[in-house]
Amino acid sequence: MDDDIERLRSLLLAMSEVDVEGVKYRELRAQLISELVRMRAEQDLLERLRSVQDQVERIGARDPDFNLKDFMDAGWE
């Protein structure tokens, strides 16, 4: 484990006065894991969105004269 992470873990445990053998420790551990999973999912989402953003950029600027209603109406004809 990285030294900084170990120091942060120790500090967090000391500040929260958690018995590492107790239920509160397990709850705290579960919360930390949950937060890491959330952050990872967010990072993955940003990575997935990057390719979509690249495609939009390649399409170019939006046509200011484009009328979505007319376009959709033409699709029904």
PDB file of N, CA and C in Angstrom:
ATOM      1  N   MET A   1       0.858  -1.174   0.000  1.00  0.00           N
ATOM      2  CA  MET A   1       0.000   0.000   0.000  1.00  0.00           C
ATOM      3  C   MET A   1       0.902   1.234   0.000  1.00  0.00           C
ATOM      4  N   ASP A   2       0.518   2.232  -0.749  1.00  0.00           N
ATOM      5  CA  ASP A   2       1.249   3.480  -0.831  1.00  0.00           C
ATOM      6  C   ASP A   2       1.377   4.110   0.558  1.00  0.00           C
ATOM      7  N   ASP A   3       2.551   4.671   0.869  1.00  0.00           N
ATOM      8  CA  ASP A   3       2.788   5.252   2.200  1.00  0.00           C
ATOM      9  C   ASP A   3       1.798   6.377   2.516  1.00  0.00           C
ATOM     10  N   ASP A   4       1.508   7.219   1.534  1.00  0.00           N
ATOM     11  CA  ASP A   4       0.553   8.315   1.768  1.00  0.00           C
ATOM     12  C   ASP A   4      -0.830   7.775   2.101  1.00  0.00           C
ATOM     13  N   ILE A   5      -1.241   6.768   1.379  1.00  0.00           N
ATOM     14  CA  ILE A   5      -2.554   6.174   1.634  1.00  0.00           C
ATOM     15  C   ILE A   5      -2.588   5.543   3.015  1.00  0.00           C
ATOM     16  N   GLU A   6      -1.508   4.880   3.384  1.00  0.00           N
ATOM     17  CA  GLU A   6      -1.447   4.255   4.709  1.00  0.00           C
ATOM     18  C   GLU A   6      -1.513   5.319   5.806  1.00  0.00           C
ATOM     19  N   ARG A   7      -0.793   6.428   5.619  1.00  0.00           N
ATOM     20  CA  ARG A   7      -0.845   7.517   6.607  1.00  0.00           C
ATOM     21  C   ARG A   7      -2.243   8.109   6.689  1.00  0.00           C
ATOM     22  N   LEU A   8      -2.891   8.300   5.550  1.00  0.00           N
ATOM     23  CA  LEU A   8      -4.248   8.839   5.541  1.00  0.00           C
ATOM     24  C   LEU A   8      -5.219   7.878   6.216  1.00  0.00           C
ATOM     25  N   ARG A   9      -5.038   6.605   5.958  1.00  0.00           N
ATOM     26  CA  ARG A   9      -5.901   5.604   6.598  1.00  0.00           C
ATOM     27  C   ARG A   9      -5.722   5.634   8.111  1.00  0.00           C
ATOM     28  N   SER A  10      -4.477   5.676   8.541  1.00  0.00           N
ATOM     29  CA  SER A  10      -4.201   5.715   9.982  1.00  0.00           C
ATOM     30  C   SER A  10      -4.772   6.974  10.617  1.00  0.00           C
ATOM     31  N   LEU A  11      -4.604   8.098   9.948  1.00  0.00           N
ATOM     32  CA  LEU A  11      -5.129   9.370  10.455  1.00  0.00           C
ATOM     33  C   LEU A  11      -6.648   9.324  10.541  1.00  0.00           C
ATOM     34  N   LEU A  12      -7.283   8.824   9.504  1.00  0.00           N
ATOM     35  CA  LEU A  12      -8.737   8.728   9.491  1.00  0.00           C
ATOM     36  C   LEU A  12      -9.233   7.833  10.621  1.00  0.00           C
ATOM     37  N   LEU A  13      -8.571   6.700  10.820  1.00  0.00           N
ATOM     38  CA  LEU A  13      -8.981   5.797  11.898  1.00  0.00           C
ATOM     39  C   LEU A  13      -8.772   6.438  13.257  1.00  0.00           C
ATOM     40  N   ALA A  14      -7.655   7.139  13.429  1.00  0.00           N
ATOM     41  CA  ALA A  14      -7.380   7.784  14.713  1.00  0.00           C
ATOM     42  C   ALA A  14      -8.391   8.893  14.995  1.00  0.00           C
ATOM     43  N   MET A  15      -8.697   9.696  13.978  1.00  0.00           N
ATOM     44  CA  MET A  15      -9.628  10.805  14.167  1.00  0.00           C
ATOM     45  C   MET A  15     -11.048  10.322  14.411  1.00  0.00           C
ATOM     46  N   SER A  16     -11.413   9.218  13.806  1.00  0.00           N
ATOM     47  CA  SER A  16     -12.776   8.718  13.963  1.00  0.00           C
ATOM     48  C   SER A  16     -12.924   7.830  15.198  1.00  0.00           C
ATOM     49  N   GLU A  17     -11.806   7.559  15.878  1.00  0.00           N
ATOM     50  CA  GLU A  17     -11.804   6.740  17.078  1.00  0.00           C
ATOM     51  C   GLU A  17     -12.554   5.430  16.852  1.00  0.00           C
ATOM     52  N   VAL A  18     -12.217   4.764  15.768  1.00  0.00           N
ATOM     53  CA  VAL A  18     -12.894   3.529  15.398  1.00  0.00           C
ATOM     54  C   VAL A  18     -12.068   2.337  15.857  1.00  0.00           C
ATOM     55  N   ASP A  19     -12.745   1.413  16.497  1.00  0.00           N
ATOM     56  CA  ASP A  19     -12.124   0.145  16.868  1.00  0.00           C
ATOM     57  C   ASP A  19     -12.043  -0.707  15.609  1.00  0.00           C
ATOM     58  N   VAL A  20     -10.813  -1.009  15.179  1.00  0.00           N
ATOM     59  CA  VAL A  20     -10.649  -1.722  13.908  1.00  0.00           C
ATOM     60  C   VAL A  20     -11.250  -3.117  13.923  1.00  0.00           C
ATOM     61  N   GLU A  21     -11.613  -3.591  15.060  1.00  0.00           N
ATOM     62  CA  GLU A  21     -12.248  -4.898  15.155  1.00  0.00           C
ATOM     63  C   GLU A  21     -13.766  -4.769  15.218  1.00  0.00           C
ATOM     64  N   GLY A  22     -14.263  -3.561  15.320  1.00  0.00           N
ATOM     65  CA  GLY A  22     -15.694  -3.362  15.534  1.00  0.00           C
ATOM     66  C   GLY A  22     -16.499  -3.141  14.267  1.00  0.00           C
ATOM     67  N   VAL A  23     -17.805  -3.016  14.480  1.00  0.00           N
ATOM     68  CA  VAL A  23     -18.758  -2.828  13.393  1.00  0.00           C
ATOM     69  C   VAL A  23     -18.530  -1.489  12.694  1.00  0.00           C
ATOM     70  N   LYS A  24     -18.220  -0.449  13.463  1.00  0.00           N
ATOM     71  CA  LYS A  24     -18.028   0.873  12.870  1.00  0.00           C
ATOM     72  C   LYS A  24     -16.873   0.861  11.870  1.00  0.00           C
ATOM     73  N   TYR A  25     -15.833   0.112  12.166  1.00  0.00           N
ATOM     74  CA  TYR A  25     -14.710   0.013  11.237  1.00  0.00           C
ATOM     75  C   TYR A  25     -15.171  -0.607   9.935  1.00  0.00           C
ATOM     76  N   ARG A  26     -15.950  -1.671  10.022  1.00  0.00           N
ATOM     77  CA  ARG A  26     -16.445  -2.326   8.815  1.00  0.00           C
ATOM     78  C   ARG A  26     -17.362  -1.392   8.026  1.00  0.00           C
ATOM     79  N   GLU A  27     -18.167  -0.600   8.740  1.00  0.00           N
ATOM     80  CA  GLU A  27     -19.039   0.371   8.067  1.00  0.00           C
ATOM     81  C   GLU A  27     -18.205   1.446   7.380  1.00  0.00           C
ATOM     82  N   LEU A  28     -17.184   1.935   8.067  1.00  0.00           N
ATOM     83  CA  LEU A  28     -16.296   2.943   7.490  1.00  0.00           C
ATOM     84  C   LEU A  28     -15.573   2.382   6.273  1.00  0.00           C
ATOM     85  N   ARG A  29     -15.116   1.159   6.381  1.00  0.00           N
ATOM     86  CA  ARG A  29     -14.427   0.509   5.257  1.00  0.00           C
ATOM     87  C   ARG A  29     -15.375   0.379   4.067  1.00  0.00           C
ATOM     88  N   ALA A  30     -16.610  -0.010   4.325  1.00  0.00           N
ATOM     89  CA  ALA A  30     -17.596  -0.153   3.255  1.00  0.00           C
ATOM     90  C   ALA A  30     -17.874   1.192   2.597  1.00  0.00           C
ATOM     91  N   GLN A  31     -17.941   2.261   3.390  1.00  0.00           N
ATOM     92  CA  GLN A  31     -18.168   3.597   2.834  1.00  0.00           C
ATOM     93  C   GLN A  31     -17.000   4.034   1.957  1.00  0.00           C
ATOM     94  N   LEU A  32     -15.783   3.753   2.414  1.00  0.00           N
ATOM     95  CA  LEU A  32     -14.602   4.111   1.626  1.00  0.00           C
ATOM     96  C   LEU A  32     -14.577   3.344   0.307  1.00  0.00           C
ATOM     97  N   ILE A  33     -14.876   2.086   0.372  1.00  0.00           N
ATOM     98  CA  ILE A  33     -14.908   1.273  -0.847  1.00  0.00           C
ATOM     99  C   ILE A  33     -15.995   1.782  -1.785  1.00  0.00           C
ATOM    100  N   SER A  34     -17.146   2.107  -1.234  1.00  0.00           N
ATOM    101  CA  SER A  34     -18.247   2.623  -2.038  1.00  0.00           C
ATOM    102  C   SER A  34     -17.851   3.917  -2.748  1.00  0.00           C
ATOM    103  N   GLU A  35     -17.172   4.793  -2.032  1.00  0.00           N
ATOM    104  CA  GLU A  35     -16.729   6.064  -2.620  1.00  0.00           C
ATOM    105  C   GLU A  35     -15.702   5.814  -3.722  1.00  0.00           C
ATOM    106  N   LEU A  36     -14.797   4.882  -3.510  1.00  0.00           N
ATOM    107  CA  LEU A  36     -13.813   4.556  -4.544  1.00  0.00           C
ATOM    108  C   LEU A  36     -14.490   3.991  -5.793  1.00  0.00           C
ATOM    109  N   VAL A  37     -15.481   3.148  -5.592  1.00  0.00           N
ATOM    110  CA  VAL A  37     -16.218   2.578  -6.722  1.00  0.00           C
ATOM    111  C   VAL A  37     -16.949   3.688  -7.477  1.00  0.00           C
ATOM    112  N   ARG A  38     -17.566   4.615  -6.747  1.00  0.00           N
ATOM    113  CA  ARG A  38     -18.275   5.730  -7.372  1.00  0.00           C
ATOM    114  C   ARG A  38     -17.320   6.588  -8.189  1.00  0.00           C
ATOM    115  N   MET A  39     -16.164   6.880  -7.617  1.00  0.00           N
ATOM    116  CA  MET A  39     -15.181   7.710  -8.322  1.00  0.00           C
ATOM    117  C   MET A  39     -14.669   6.988  -9.567  1.00  0.00           C
ATOM    118  N   ARG A  40     -14.475   5.692  -9.468  1.00  0.00           N
ATOM    119  CA  ARG A  40     -14.001   4.913 -10.612  1.00  0.00           C
ATOM    120  C   ARG A  40     -15.047   4.907 -11.726  1.00  0.00           C
ATOM    121  N   ALA A  41     -16.313   4.745 -11.335  1.00  0.00           N
ATOM    122  CA  ALA A  41     -17.392   4.742 -12.320  1.00  0.00           C
ATOM    123  C   ALA A  41     -17.481   6.096 -13.010  1.00  0.00           C
ATOM    124  N   GLU A  42     -17.314   7.156 -12.240  1.00  0.00           N
ATOM    125  CA  GLU A  42     -17.343   8.502 -12.818  1.00  0.00           C
ATOM    126  C   GLU A  42     -16.185   8.681 -13.789  1.00  0.00           C
ATOM    127  N   GLN A  43     -15.032   8.188 -13.429  1.00  0.00           N
ATOM    128  CA  GLN A  43     -13.862   8.288 -14.302  1.00  0.00           C
ATOM    129  C   GLN A  43     -14.104   7.489 -15.585  1.00  0.00           C
ATOM    130  N   ASP A  44     -14.664   6.299 -15.452  1.00  0.00           N
ATOM    131  CA  ASP A  44     -14.970   5.480 -16.609  1.00  0.00           C
ATOM    132  C   ASP A  44     -15.977   6.184 -17.517  1.00  0.00           C
ATOM    133  N   LEU A  45     -16.974   6.829 -16.919  1.00  0.00           N
ATOM    134  CA  LEU A  45     -17.971   7.554 -17.701  1.00  0.00           C
ATOM    135  C   LEU A  45     -17.313   8.665 -18.499  1.00  0.00           C
ATOM    136  N   LEU A  46     -16.426   9.417 -17.865  1.00  0.00           N
ATOM    137  CA  LEU A  46     -15.737  10.494 -18.563  1.00  0.00           C
ATOM    138  C   LEU A  46     -14.910   9.953 -19.719  1.00  0.00           C
ATOM    139  N   GLU A  47     -14.301   8.795 -19.512  1.00  0.00           N
ATOM    140  CA  GLU A  47     -13.516   8.171 -20.577  1.00  0.00           C
ATOM    141  C   GLU A  47     -14.417   7.753 -21.736  1.00  0.00           C
ATOM    142  N   ARG A  48     -15.595   7.196 -21.413  1.00  0.00           N
ATOM    143  CA  ARG A  48     -16.527   6.794 -22.463  1.00  0.00           C
ATOM    144  C   ARG A  48     -17.076   8.001 -23.204  1.00  0.00           C
ATOM    145  N   LEU A  49     -17.344   9.068 -22.480  1.00  0.00           N
ATOM    146  CA  LEU A  49     -17.886  10.272 -23.114  1.00  0.00           C
ATOM    147  C   LEU A  49     -16.868  10.964 -24.009  1.00  0.00           C
ATOM    148  N   ARG A  50     -15.603  10.775 -23.726  1.00  0.00           N
ATOM    149  CA  ARG A  50     -14.564  11.427 -24.517  1.00  0.00           C
ATOM    150  C   ARG A  50     -14.681  11.060 -25.994  1.00  0.00           C
ATOM    151  N   SER A  51     -14.979   9.799 -26.307  1.00  0.00           N
ATOM    152  CA  SER A  51     -15.097   9.398 -27.712  1.00  0.00           C
ATOM    153  C   SER A  51     -16.318  10.049 -28.358  1.00  0.00           C
ATOM    154  N   VAL A  52     -17.412  10.182 -27.614  1.00  0.00           N
ATOM    155  CA  VAL A  52     -18.597  10.853 -28.149  1.00  0.00           C
ATOM    156  C   VAL A  52     -18.288  12.327 -28.396  1.00  0.00           C
ATOM    157  N   GLN A  53     -17.605  12.950 -27.462  1.00  0.00           N
ATOM    158  CA  GLN A  53     -17.234  14.355 -27.632  1.00  0.00           C
ATOM    159  C   GLN A  53     -16.331  14.542 -28.846  1.00  0.00           C
ATOM    160  N   ASP A  54     -15.424  13.604 -29.078  1.00  0.00           N
ATOM    161  CA  ASP A  54     -14.554  13.676 -30.260  1.00  0.00           C
ATOM    162  C   ASP A  54     -15.373  13.588 -31.545  1.00  0.00           C
ATOM    163  N   GLN A  55     -16.377  12.707 -31.573  1.00  0.00           N
ATOM    164  CA  GLN A  55     -17.223  12.569 -32.754  1.00  0.00           C
ATOM    165  C   GLN A  55     -18.008  13.852 -33.015  1.00  0.00           C
ATOM    166  N   VAL A  56     -18.543  14.444 -31.969  1.00  0.00           N
ATOM    167  CA  VAL A  56     -19.295  15.694 -32.109  1.00  0.00           C
ATOM    168  C   VAL A  56     -18.378  16.789 -32.640  1.00  0.00           C
ATOM    169  N   GLU A  57     -17.168  16.832 -32.153  1.00  0.00           N
ATOM    170  CA  GLU A  57     -16.214  17.835 -32.606  1.00  0.00           C
ATOM    171  C   GLU A  57     -15.903  17.663 -34.095  1.00  0.00           C
ATOM    172  N   ARG A  58     -15.810  16.412 -34.546  1.00  0.00           N
ATOM    173  CA  ARG A  58     -15.532  16.152 -35.965  1.00  0.00           C
ATOM    174  C   ARG A  58     -16.700  16.571 -36.854  1.00  0.00           C
ATOM    175  N   ILE A  59     -17.926  16.489 -36.350  1.00  0.00           N
ATOM    176  CA  ILE A  59     -19.102  16.889 -37.120  1.00  0.00           C
ATOM    177  C   ILE A  59     -19.030  18.376 -37.445  1.00  0.00           C
ATOM    178  N   GLY A  60     -18.548  19.144 -36.506  1.00  0.00           N
ATOM    179  CA  GLY A  60     -18.382  20.572 -36.746  1.00  0.00           C
ATOM    180  C   GLY A  60     -19.450  21.400 -36.057  1.00  0.00           C
ATOM    181  N   ALA A  61     -19.424  22.673 -36.387  1.00  0.00           N
ATOM    182  CA  ALA A  61     -20.336  23.628 -35.755  1.00  0.00           C
ATOM    183  C   ALA A  61     -21.779  23.364 -36.177  1.00  0.00           C
ATOM    184  N   ARG A  62     -22.690  23.734 -35.315  1.00  0.00           N
ATOM    185  CA  ARG A  62     -24.116  23.568 -35.558  1.00  0.00           C
ATOM    186  C   ARG A  62     -24.573  24.545 -36.631  1.00  0.00           C
ATOM    187  N   ASP A  63     -25.447  24.094 -37.515  1.00  0.00           N
ATOM    188  CA  ASP A  63     -26.019  24.947 -38.552  1.00  0.00           C
ATOM    189  C   ASP A  63     -27.065  25.850 -37.909  1.00  0.00           C
ATOM    190  N   PRO A  64     -26.853  27.161 -37.916  1.00  0.00           N
ATOM    191  CA  PRO A  64     -27.815  28.057 -37.257  1.00  0.00           C
ATOM    192  C   PRO A  64     -29.158  28.108 -37.975  1.00  0.00           C
ATOM    193  N   ASP A  65     -29.215  27.694 -39.235  1.00  0.00           N
ATOM    194  CA  ASP A  65     -30.465  27.734 -40.000  1.00  0.00           C
ATOM    195  C   ASP A  65     -31.243  26.417 -39.934  1.00  0.00           C
ATOM    196  N   PHE A  66     -30.712  25.422 -39.219  1.00  0.00           N
ATOM    197  CA  PHE A  66     -31.363  24.124 -39.131  1.00  0.00           C
ATOM    198  C   PHE A  66     -32.632  24.239 -38.312  1.00  0.00           C
ATOM    199  N   ASN A  67     -33.728  23.683 -38.857  1.00  0.00           N
ATOM    200  CA  ASN A  67     -35.017  23.703 -38.168  1.00  0.00           C
ATOM    201  C   ASN A  67     -35.399  22.252 -37.868  1.00  0.00           C
ATOM    202  N   LEU A  68     -35.322  21.878 -36.633  1.00  0.00           N
ATOM    203  CA  LEU A  68     -35.579  20.495 -36.238  1.00  0.00           C
ATOM    204  C   LEU A  68     -37.015  20.083 -36.547  1.00  0.00           C
ATOM    205  N   LYS A  69     -37.965  20.988 -36.323  1.00  0.00           N
ATOM    206  CA  LYS A  69     -39.373  20.654 -36.593  1.00  0.00           C
ATOM    207  C   LYS A  69     -39.565  20.323 -38.061  1.00  0.00           C
ATOM    208  N   ASP A  70     -39.043  21.159 -38.956  1.00  0.00           N
ATOM    209  CA  ASP A  70     -39.154  20.881 -40.393  1.00  0.00           C
ATOM    210  C   ASP A  70     -38.489  19.546 -40.741  1.00  0.00           C
ATOM    211  N   PHE A  71     -37.343  19.296 -40.167  1.00  0.00           N
ATOM    212  CA  PHE A  71     -36.622  18.036 -40.413  1.00  0.00           C
ATOM    213  C   PHE A  71     -37.457  16.839 -39.975  1.00  0.00           C
ATOM    214  N   MET A  72     -38.038  16.921 -38.782  1.00  0.00           N
ATOM    215  CA  MET A  72     -38.857  15.814 -38.266  1.00  0.00           C
ATOM    216  C   MET A  72     -40.129  15.643 -39.083  1.00  0.00           C
ATOM    217  N   ASP A  73     -40.765  16.754 -39.469  1.00  0.00           N
ATOM    218  CA  ASP A  73     -41.965  16.682 -40.297  1.00  0.00           C
ATOM    219  C   ASP A  73     -41.681  16.013 -41.623  1.00  0.00           C
ATOM    220  N   ALA A  74     -40.525  16.321 -42.220  1.00  0.00           N
ATOM    221  CA  ALA A  74     -40.161  15.723 -43.499  1.00  0.00           C
ATOM    222  C   ALA A  74     -39.977  14.213 -43.342  1.00  0.00           C
ATOM    223  N   GLY A  75     -39.565  13.770 -42.184  1.00  0.00           N
ATOM    224  CA  GLY A  75     -39.377  12.342 -41.952  1.00  0.00           C
ATOM    225  C   GLY A  75     -40.698  11.579 -41.918  1.00  0.00           C
ATOM    226  N   TRP A  76     -41.794  12.271 -41.650  1.00  0.00           N
ATOM    227  CA  TRP A  76     -43.099  11.623 -41.572  1.00  0.00           C
ATOM    228  C   TRP A  76     -43.797  11.594 -42.932  1.00  0.00           C
ATOM    229  N   GLU A  77     -43.267  12.305 -43.902  1.00  0.00           N
ATOM    230  CA  GLU A  77     -43.916  12.371 -45.217  1.00  0.00           C
ATOM    231  C   GLU A  77     -43.579  11.185 -46.065  1.00  0.00           C
TER     232      GLU A  77
END
